[in-house]
Amino acid sequence: MWDYNLPVDKIDDLIDGKIDRLGHYNRETIFKKMLETFPWFILIELIDIEVIKELLNHDIIKTLKSPALRENYFYVSKRLQEIIPNTR
């Protein structure tokens, strides 16, 4: 991780739900940090779209610092729910 010494493979495990915590991060807090840091095209390269669809929910979006990001990700979340069928 860019501000902590966290192994990339462990970050993947956290996002995929294989582990519960990594340092002080849990799955939701690491995803929120990624939303606030990376552009969308990077996120979809790093994280499976099904995982993004699952994690990109109202509870996480409403905690984003930027009003513009909140607005954009509320829209993205809605569209993902519409276009990607539930598989879980």
PDB file of N, CA and C in Angstrom:
ATOM      1  N   MET A   1       0.844  -1.173   0.000  1.00  0.00           N
ATOM      2  CA  MET A   1       0.000   0.000   0.000  1.00  0.00           C
ATOM      3  C   MET A   1       0.885   1.230   0.000  1.00  0.00           C
ATOM      4  N   TRP A   2       0.428   2.297  -0.542  1.00  0.00           N
ATOM      5  CA  TRP A   2       1.258   3.475  -0.750  1.00  0.00           C
ATOM      6  C   TRP A   2       1.648   4.188   0.541  1.00  0.00           C
ATOM      7  N   ASP A   3       0.833   4.157   1.584  1.00  0.00           N
ATOM      8  CA  ASP A   3       1.213   4.840   2.823  1.00  0.00           C
ATOM      9  C   ASP A   3       1.532   3.881   3.968  1.00  0.00           C
ATOM     10  N   TYR A   4       1.409   2.616   3.724  1.00  0.00           N
ATOM     11  CA  TYR A   4       1.776   1.575   4.690  1.00  0.00           C
ATOM     12  C   TYR A   4       2.489   0.468   3.930  1.00  0.00           C
ATOM     13  N   ASN A   5       3.303  -0.265   4.613  1.00  0.00           N
ATOM     14  CA  ASN A   5       4.027  -1.350   3.977  1.00  0.00           C
ATOM     15  C   ASN A   5       3.168  -2.623   4.003  1.00  0.00           C
ATOM     16  N   LEU A   6       2.222  -2.704   3.057  1.00  0.00           N
ATOM     17  CA  LEU A   6       1.305  -3.841   2.969  1.00  0.00           C
ATOM     18  C   LEU A   6       1.576  -4.606   1.674  1.00  0.00           C
ATOM     19  N   PRO A   7       1.736  -5.913   1.761  1.00  0.00           N
ATOM     20  CA  PRO A   7       1.990  -6.706   0.546  1.00  0.00           C
ATOM     21  C   PRO A   7       0.780  -6.707  -0.392  1.00  0.00           C
ATOM     22  N   VAL A   8       1.060  -6.539  -1.666  1.00  0.00           N
ATOM     23  CA  VAL A   8       0.001  -6.479  -2.675  1.00  0.00           C
ATOM     24  C   VAL A   8      -0.860  -7.735  -2.663  1.00  0.00           C
ATOM     25  N   ASP A   9      -0.254  -8.900  -2.530  1.00  0.00           N
ATOM     26  CA  ASP A   9      -1.035 -10.137  -2.544  1.00  0.00           C
ATOM     27  C   ASP A   9      -1.988 -10.203  -1.358  1.00  0.00           C
ATOM     28  N   LYS A  10      -1.597  -9.622  -0.232  1.00  0.00           N
ATOM     29  CA  LYS A  10      -2.484  -9.597   0.938  1.00  0.00           C
ATOM     30  C   LYS A  10      -3.622  -8.600   0.743  1.00  0.00           C
ATOM     31  N   ILE A  11      -3.352  -7.510   0.037  1.00  0.00           N
ATOM     32  CA  ILE A  11      -4.415  -6.556  -0.298  1.00  0.00           C
ATOM     33  C   ILE A  11      -5.448  -7.252  -1.177  1.00  0.00           C
ATOM     34  N   ASP A  12      -4.974  -8.026  -2.151  1.00  0.00           N
ATOM     35  CA  ASP A  12      -5.889  -8.805  -3.003  1.00  0.00           C
ATOM     36  C   ASP A  12      -6.722  -9.768  -2.166  1.00  0.00           C
ATOM     37  N   ASP A  13      -6.071 -10.447  -1.215  1.00  0.00           N
ATOM     38  CA  ASP A  13      -6.795 -11.374  -0.342  1.00  0.00           C
ATOM     39  C   ASP A  13      -7.859 -10.649   0.475  1.00  0.00           C
ATOM     40  N   LEU A  14      -7.543  -9.462   0.943  1.00  0.00           N
ATOM     41  CA  LEU A  14      -8.507  -8.681   1.723  1.00  0.00           C
ATOM     42  C   LEU A  14      -9.700  -8.276   0.862  1.00  0.00           C
ATOM     43  N   ILE A  15      -9.434  -7.725  -0.307  1.00  0.00           N
ATOM     44  CA  ILE A  15     -10.511  -7.315  -1.214  1.00  0.00           C
ATOM     45  C   ILE A  15     -11.371  -8.511  -1.621  1.00  0.00           C
ATOM     46  N   ASP A  16     -10.744  -9.662  -1.830  1.00  0.00           N
ATOM     47  CA  ASP A  16     -11.483 -10.869  -2.232  1.00  0.00           C
ATOM     48  C   ASP A  16     -12.202 -11.542  -1.071  1.00  0.00           C
ATOM     49  N   GLY A  17     -12.012 -11.040   0.148  1.00  0.00           N
ATOM     50  CA  GLY A  17     -12.690 -11.607   1.310  1.00  0.00           C
ATOM     51  C   GLY A  17     -12.030 -12.840   1.883  1.00  0.00           C
ATOM     52  N   LYS A  18     -10.804 -13.126   1.482  1.00  0.00           N
ATOM     53  CA  LYS A  18     -10.094 -14.305   1.987  1.00  0.00           C
ATOM     54  C   LYS A  18      -9.521 -14.085   3.379  1.00  0.00           C
ATOM     55  N   ILE A  19      -9.262 -12.817   3.711  1.00  0.00           N
ATOM     56  CA  ILE A  19      -8.832 -12.455   5.070  1.00  0.00           C
ATOM     57  C   ILE A  19      -9.711 -11.302   5.542  1.00  0.00           C
ATOM     58  N   ASP A  20      -9.824 -11.148   6.857  1.00  0.00           N
ATOM     59  CA  ASP A  20     -10.703 -10.120   7.425  1.00  0.00           C
ATOM     60  C   ASP A  20     -10.031  -8.771   7.625  1.00  0.00           C
ATOM     61  N   ARG A  21      -8.749  -8.778   7.943  1.00  0.00           N
ATOM     62  CA  ARG A  21      -8.037  -7.532   8.249  1.00  0.00           C
ATOM     63  C   ARG A  21      -6.627  -7.582   7.692  1.00  0.00           C
ATOM     64  N   LEU A  22      -6.122  -6.395   7.407  1.00  0.00           N
ATOM     65  CA  LEU A  22      -4.738  -6.223   7.011  1.00  0.00           C
ATOM     66  C   LEU A  22      -4.293  -4.898   7.607  1.00  0.00           C
ATOM     67  N   GLY A  23      -3.448  -4.981   8.629  1.00  0.00           N
ATOM     68  CA  GLY A  23      -3.121  -3.772   9.371  1.00  0.00           C
ATOM     69  C   GLY A  23      -4.386  -3.231  10.003  1.00  0.00           C
ATOM     70  N   HIS A  24      -4.639  -1.960   9.836  1.00  0.00           N
ATOM     71  CA  HIS A  24      -5.867  -1.383  10.389  1.00  0.00           C
ATOM     72  C   HIS A  24      -7.025  -1.372   9.385  1.00  0.00           C
ATOM     73  N   TYR A  25      -6.811  -1.937   8.212  1.00  0.00           N
ATOM     74  CA  TYR A  25      -7.843  -1.968   7.173  1.00  0.00           C
ATOM     75  C   TYR A  25      -8.696  -3.224   7.262  1.00  0.00           C
ATOM     76  N   ASN A  26      -9.976  -3.054   6.951  1.00  0.00           N
ATOM     77  CA  ASN A  26     -10.834  -4.187   6.649  1.00  0.00           C
ATOM     78  C   ASN A  26     -11.211  -4.057   5.167  1.00  0.00           C
ATOM     79  N   ARG A  27     -12.036  -4.945   4.702  1.00  0.00           N
ATOM     80  CA  ARG A  27     -12.379  -4.974   3.276  1.00  0.00           C
ATOM     81  C   ARG A  27     -13.001  -3.654   2.804  1.00  0.00           C
ATOM     82  N   GLU A  28     -13.901  -3.116   3.598  1.00  0.00           N
ATOM     83  CA  GLU A  28     -14.610  -1.904   3.213  1.00  0.00           C
ATOM     84  C   GLU A  28     -13.694  -0.679   3.258  1.00  0.00           C
ATOM     85  N   THR A  29     -12.856  -0.581   4.287  1.00  0.00           N
ATOM     86  CA  THR A  29     -12.013   0.607   4.406  1.00  0.00           C
ATOM     87  C   THR A  29     -10.921   0.641   3.335  1.00  0.00           C
ATOM     88  N   ILE A  30     -10.402  -0.515   2.956  1.00  0.00           N
ATOM     89  CA  ILE A  30      -9.388  -0.527   1.894  1.00  0.00           C
ATOM     90  C   ILE A  30     -10.042  -0.182   0.555  1.00  0.00           C
ATOM     91  N   PHE A  31     -11.267  -0.679   0.334  1.00  0.00           N
ATOM     92  CA  PHE A  31     -11.980  -0.357  -0.904  1.00  0.00           C
ATOM     93  C   PHE A  31     -12.282   1.139  -0.971  1.00  0.00           C
ATOM     94  N   LYS A  32     -12.721   1.719   0.147  1.00  0.00           N
ATOM     95  CA  LYS A  32     -12.998   3.159   0.191  1.00  0.00           C
ATOM     96  C   LYS A  32     -11.728   3.943  -0.137  1.00  0.00           C
ATOM     97  N   LYS A  33     -10.611   3.553   0.440  1.00  0.00           N
ATOM     98  CA  LYS A  33      -9.340   4.231   0.167  1.00  0.00           C
ATOM     99  C   LYS A  33      -9.004   4.147  -1.321  1.00  0.00           C
ATOM    100  N   MET A  34      -9.262   3.003  -1.915  1.00  0.00           N
ATOM    101  CA  MET A  34      -8.995   2.836  -3.343  1.00  0.00           C
ATOM    102  C   MET A  34      -9.923   3.715  -4.181  1.00  0.00           C
ATOM    103  N   LEU A  35     -11.194   3.812  -3.792  1.00  0.00           N
ATOM    104  CA  LEU A  35     -12.137   4.676  -4.505  1.00  0.00           C
ATOM    105  C   LEU A  35     -11.678   6.128  -4.483  1.00  0.00           C
ATOM    106  N   GLU A  36     -11.152   6.553  -3.350  1.00  0.00           N
ATOM    107  CA  GLU A  36     -10.739   7.943  -3.199  1.00  0.00           C
ATOM    108  C   GLU A  36      -9.373   8.231  -3.819  1.00  0.00           C
ATOM    109  N   THR A  37      -8.633   7.187  -4.166  1.00  0.00           N
ATOM    110  CA  THR A  37      -7.264   7.367  -4.641  1.00  0.00           C
ATOM    111  C   THR A  37      -7.094   7.091  -6.126  1.00  0.00           C
ATOM    112  N   PHE A  38      -7.702   6.011  -6.608  1.00  0.00           N
ATOM    113  CA  PHE A  38      -7.477   5.584  -7.985  1.00  0.00           C
ATOM    114  C   PHE A  38      -8.598   6.032  -8.911  1.00  0.00           C
ATOM    115  N   PRO A  39      -8.270   6.290 -10.172  1.00  0.00           N
ATOM    116  CA  PRO A  39      -9.323   6.526 -11.160  1.00  0.00           C
ATOM    117  C   PRO A  39     -10.071   5.212 -11.458  1.00  0.00           C
ATOM    118  N   TRP A  40     -11.278   5.347 -11.954  1.00  0.00           N
ATOM    119  CA  TRP A  40     -12.145   4.207 -12.234  1.00  0.00           C
ATOM    120  C   TRP A  40     -11.458   3.163 -13.112  1.00  0.00           C
ATOM    121  N   PHE A  41     -10.796   3.599 -14.179  1.00  0.00           N
ATOM    122  CA  PHE A  41     -10.187   2.630 -15.109  1.00  0.00           C
ATOM    123  C   PHE A  41      -9.107   1.793 -14.429  1.00  0.00           C
ATOM    124  N   ILE A  42      -8.478   2.301 -13.396  1.00  0.00           N
ATOM    125  CA  ILE A  42      -7.501   1.516 -12.636  1.00  0.00           C
ATOM    126  C   ILE A  42      -8.226   0.527 -11.730  1.00  0.00           C
ATOM    127  N   LEU A  43      -9.279   0.983 -11.073  1.00  0.00           N
ATOM    128  CA  LEU A  43     -10.041   0.095 -10.180  1.00  0.00           C
ATOM    129  C   LEU A  43     -10.547  -1.140 -10.911  1.00  0.00           C
ATOM    130  N   ILE A  44     -11.081  -0.944 -12.107  1.00  0.00           N
ATOM    131  CA  ILE A  44     -11.634  -2.098 -12.817  1.00  0.00           C
ATOM    132  C   ILE A  44     -10.537  -3.018 -13.361  1.00  0.00           C
ATOM    133  N   GLU A  45      -9.312  -2.522 -13.412  1.00  0.00           N
ATOM    134  CA  GLU A  45      -8.180  -3.383 -13.759  1.00  0.00           C
ATOM    135  C   GLU A  45      -7.718  -4.192 -12.547  1.00  0.00           C
ATOM    136  N   LEU A  46      -7.848  -3.615 -11.358  1.00  0.00           N
ATOM    137  CA  LEU A  46      -7.337  -4.234 -10.136  1.00  0.00           C
ATOM    138  C   LEU A  46      -8.327  -5.172  -9.458  1.00  0.00           C
ATOM    139  N   ILE A  47      -9.619  -4.865  -9.584  1.00  0.00           N
ATOM    140  CA  ILE A  47     -10.638  -5.578  -8.810  1.00  0.00           C
ATOM    141  C   ILE A  47     -11.686  -6.140  -9.755  1.00  0.00           C
ATOM    142  N   ASP A  48     -12.056  -7.393  -9.530  1.00  0.00           N
ATOM    143  CA  ASP A  48     -13.103  -8.040 -10.317  1.00  0.00           C
ATOM    144  C   ASP A  48     -14.395  -7.214 -10.227  1.00  0.00           C
ATOM    145  N   ILE A  49     -15.067  -7.062 -11.349  1.00  0.00           N
ATOM    146  CA  ILE A  49     -16.262  -6.218 -11.402  1.00  0.00           C
ATOM    147  C   ILE A  49     -17.360  -6.709 -10.459  1.00  0.00           C
ATOM    148  N   GLU A  50     -17.454  -8.019 -10.246  1.00  0.00           N
ATOM    149  CA  GLU A  50     -18.440  -8.554  -9.302  1.00  0.00           C
ATOM    150  C   GLU A  50     -18.139  -8.091  -7.873  1.00  0.00           C
ATOM    151  N   VAL A  51     -16.868  -8.024  -7.536  1.00  0.00           N
ATOM    152  CA  VAL A  51     -16.462  -7.556  -6.204  1.00  0.00           C
ATOM    153  C   VAL A  51     -16.748  -6.065  -6.086  1.00  0.00           C
ATOM    154  N   ILE A  52     -16.447  -5.317  -7.139  1.00  0.00           N
ATOM    155  CA  ILE A  52     -16.764  -3.885  -7.125  1.00  0.00           C
ATOM    156  C   ILE A  52     -18.263  -3.689  -6.931  1.00  0.00           C
ATOM    157  N   LYS A  53     -19.052  -4.442  -7.673  1.00  0.00           N
ATOM    158  CA  LYS A  53     -20.508  -4.319  -7.563  1.00  0.00           C
ATOM    159  C   LYS A  53     -20.960  -4.584  -6.127  1.00  0.00           C
ATOM    160  N   GLU A  54     -20.383  -5.573  -5.503  1.00  0.00           N
ATOM    161  CA  GLU A  54     -20.742  -5.919  -4.127  1.00  0.00           C
ATOM    162  C   GLU A  54     -20.332  -4.829  -3.139  1.00  0.00           C
ATOM    163  N   LEU A  55     -19.123  -4.326  -3.274  1.00  0.00           N
ATOM    164  CA  LEU A  55     -18.595  -3.372  -2.299  1.00  0.00           C
ATOM    165  C   LEU A  55     -19.056  -1.940  -2.537  1.00  0.00           C
ATOM    166  N   LEU A  56     -19.396  -1.612  -3.766  1.00  0.00           N
ATOM    167  CA  LEU A  56     -19.796  -0.245  -4.094  1.00  0.00           C
ATOM    168  C   LEU A  56     -21.254  -0.038  -3.705  1.00  0.00           C
ATOM    169  N   ASN A  57     -21.460   0.129  -2.409  1.00  0.00           N
ATOM    170  CA  ASN A  57     -22.820   0.259  -1.887  1.00  0.00           C
ATOM    171  C   ASN A  57     -23.005   1.609  -1.208  1.00  0.00           C
ATOM    172  N   HIS A  58     -24.244   1.898  -0.867  1.00  0.00           N
ATOM    173  CA  HIS A  58     -24.611   3.189  -0.277  1.00  0.00           C
ATOM    174  C   HIS A  58     -23.792   3.496   0.971  1.00  0.00           C
ATOM    175  N   ASP A  59     -23.590   2.508   1.830  1.00  0.00           N
ATOM    176  CA  ASP A  59     -22.866   2.739   3.084  1.00  0.00           C
ATOM    177  C   ASP A  59     -21.430   3.196   2.843  1.00  0.00           C
ATOM    178  N   ILE A  60     -20.780   2.658   1.847  1.00  0.00           N
ATOM    179  CA  ILE A  60     -19.406   3.071   1.544  1.00  0.00           C
ATOM    180  C   ILE A  60     -19.401   4.399   0.793  1.00  0.00           C
ATOM    181  N   ILE A  61     -20.265   4.515  -0.189  1.00  0.00           N
ATOM    182  CA  ILE A  61     -20.280   5.730  -1.008  1.00  0.00           C
ATOM    183  C   ILE A  61     -20.561   6.968  -0.166  1.00  0.00           C
ATOM    184  N   LYS A  62     -21.475   6.881   0.771  1.00  0.00           N
ATOM    185  CA  LYS A  62     -21.833   8.072   1.560  1.00  0.00           C
ATOM    186  C   LYS A  62     -20.693   8.556   2.456  1.00  0.00           C
ATOM    187  N   THR A  63     -19.656   7.724   2.663  1.00  0.00           N
ATOM    188  CA  THR A  63     -18.521   8.139   3.491  1.00  0.00           C
ATOM    189  C   THR A  63     -17.375   8.746   2.685  1.00  0.00           C
ATOM    190  N   LEU A  64     -17.484   8.762   1.360  1.00  0.00           N
ATOM    191  CA  LEU A  64     -16.439   9.360   0.542  1.00  0.00           C
ATOM    192  C   LEU A  64     -16.346  10.853   0.830  1.00  0.00           C
ATOM    193  N   LYS A  65     -15.132  11.361   0.879  1.00  0.00           N
ATOM    194  CA  LYS A  65     -14.909  12.763   1.250  1.00  0.00           C
ATOM    195  C   LYS A  65     -15.444  13.744   0.208  1.00  0.00           C
ATOM    196  N   SER A  66     -15.262  13.437  -1.042  1.00  0.00           N
ATOM    197  CA  SER A  66     -15.623  14.358  -2.117  1.00  0.00           C
ATOM    198  C   SER A  66     -17.086  14.211  -2.535  1.00  0.00           C
ATOM    199  N   PRO A  67     -17.845  15.307  -2.514  1.00  0.00           N
ATOM    200  CA  PRO A  67     -19.229  15.243  -3.007  1.00  0.00           C
ATOM    201  C   PRO A  67     -19.306  14.783  -4.469  1.00  0.00           C
ATOM    202  N   ALA A  68     -18.352  15.209  -5.273  1.00  0.00           N
ATOM    203  CA  ALA A  68     -18.354  14.802  -6.681  1.00  0.00           C
ATOM    204  C   ALA A  68     -18.140  13.297  -6.811  1.00  0.00           C
ATOM    205  N   LEU A  69     -17.218  12.733  -6.020  1.00  0.00           N
ATOM    206  CA  LEU A  69     -17.012  11.277  -6.038  1.00  0.00           C
ATOM    207  C   LEU A  69     -18.266  10.551  -5.575  1.00  0.00           C
ATOM    208  N   ARG A  70     -18.903  11.059  -4.533  1.00  0.00           N
ATOM    209  CA  ARG A  70     -20.142  10.422  -4.051  1.00  0.00           C
ATOM    210  C   ARG A  70     -21.183  10.395  -5.156  1.00  0.00           C
ATOM    211  N   GLU A  71     -21.366  11.511  -5.811  1.00  0.00           N
ATOM    212  CA  GLU A  71     -22.352  11.581  -6.891  1.00  0.00           C
ATOM    213  C   GLU A  71     -22.006  10.612  -8.016  1.00  0.00           C
ATOM    214  N   ASN A  72     -20.759  10.608  -8.426  1.00  0.00           N
ATOM    215  CA  ASN A  72     -20.328   9.724  -9.517  1.00  0.00           C
ATOM    216  C   ASN A  72     -20.504   8.255  -9.140  1.00  0.00           C
ATOM    217  N   TYR A  73     -20.104   7.891  -7.932  1.00  0.00           N
ATOM    218  CA  TYR A  73     -20.164   6.478  -7.555  1.00  0.00           C
ATOM    219  C   TYR A  73     -21.585   6.020  -7.207  1.00  0.00           C
ATOM    220  N   PHE A  74     -22.462   6.920  -6.792  1.00  0.00           N
ATOM    221  CA  PHE A  74     -23.873   6.533  -6.661  1.00  0.00           C
ATOM    222  C   PHE A  74     -24.414   6.154  -8.037  1.00  0.00           C
ATOM    223  N   TYR A  75     -24.047   6.926  -9.041  1.00  0.00           N
ATOM    224  CA  TYR A  75     -24.477   6.624 -10.408  1.00  0.00           C
ATOM    225  C   TYR A  75     -23.881   5.292 -10.880  1.00  0.00           C
ATOM    226  N   VAL A  76     -22.582   5.113 -10.692  1.00  0.00           N
ATOM    227  CA  VAL A  76     -21.911   3.876 -11.118  1.00  0.00           C
ATOM    228  C   VAL A  76     -22.537   2.665 -10.430  1.00  0.00           C
ATOM    229  N   SER A  77     -22.777   2.782  -9.138  1.00  0.00           N
ATOM    230  CA  SER A  77     -23.380   1.685  -8.386  1.00  0.00           C
ATOM    231  C   SER A  77     -24.750   1.309  -8.954  1.00  0.00           C
ATOM    232  N   LYS A  78     -25.544   2.311  -9.209  1.00  0.00           N
ATOM    233  CA  LYS A  78     -26.877   2.066  -9.777  1.00  0.00           C
ATOM    234  C   LYS A  78     -26.774   1.356 -11.127  1.00  0.00           C
ATOM    235  N   ARG A  79     -25.876   1.823 -11.974  1.00  0.00           N
ATOM    236  CA  ARG A  79     -25.718   1.210 -13.300  1.00  0.00           C
ATOM    237  C   ARG A  79     -25.197  -0.228 -13.198  1.00  0.00           C
ATOM    238  N   LEU A  80     -24.259  -0.474 -12.288  1.00  0.00           N
ATOM    239  CA  LEU A  80     -23.757  -1.842 -12.114  1.00  0.00           C
ATOM    240  C   LEU A  80     -24.879  -2.779 -11.676  1.00  0.00           C
ATOM    241  N   GLN A  81     -25.733  -2.304 -10.785  1.00  0.00           N
ATOM    242  CA  GLN A  81     -26.853  -3.125 -10.323  1.00  0.00           C
ATOM    243  C   GLN A  81     -27.808  -3.433 -11.474  1.00  0.00           C
ATOM    244  N   GLU A  82     -27.939  -2.492 -12.400  1.00  0.00           N
ATOM    245  CA  GLU A  82     -28.852  -2.670 -13.532  1.00  0.00           C
ATOM    246  C   GLU A  82     -28.285  -3.606 -14.605  1.00  0.00           C
ATOM    247  N   ILE A  83     -26.986  -3.525 -14.845  1.00  0.00           N
ATOM    248  CA  ILE A  83     -26.441  -4.224 -16.012  1.00  0.00           C
ATOM    249  C   ILE A  83     -25.726  -5.544 -15.711  1.00  0.00           C
ATOM    250  N   ILE A  84     -25.345  -5.753 -14.459  1.00  0.00           N
ATOM    251  CA  ILE A  84     -24.650  -6.990 -14.122  1.00  0.00           C
ATOM    252  C   ILE A  84     -25.567  -7.867 -13.270  1.00  0.00           C
ATOM    253  N   PRO A  85     -25.917  -9.042 -13.764  1.00  0.00           N
ATOM    254  CA  PRO A  85     -26.810  -9.911 -12.995  1.00  0.00           C
ATOM    255  C   PRO A  85     -26.153 -10.402 -11.712  1.00  0.00           C
ATOM    256  N   ASN A  86     -26.985 -10.651 -10.715  1.00  0.00           N
ATOM    257  CA  ASN A  86     -26.483 -11.223  -9.456  1.00  0.00           C
ATOM    258  C   ASN A  86     -26.082 -12.664  -9.686  1.00  0.00           C
ATOM    259  N   THR A  87     -24.875 -13.001  -9.250  1.00  0.00           N
ATOM    260  CA  THR A  87     -24.383 -14.373  -9.421  1.00  0.00           C
ATOM    261  C   THR A  87     -24.134 -15.041  -8.088  1.00  0.00           C
ATOM    262  N   ARG A  88     -24.250 -14.321  -7.009  1.00  0.00           N
ATOM    263  CA  ARG A  88     -23.984 -14.891  -5.679  1.00  0.00           C
ATOM    264  C   ARG A  88     -25.260 -15.133  -4.948  1.00  0.00           C
TER     265      ARG A  88
END
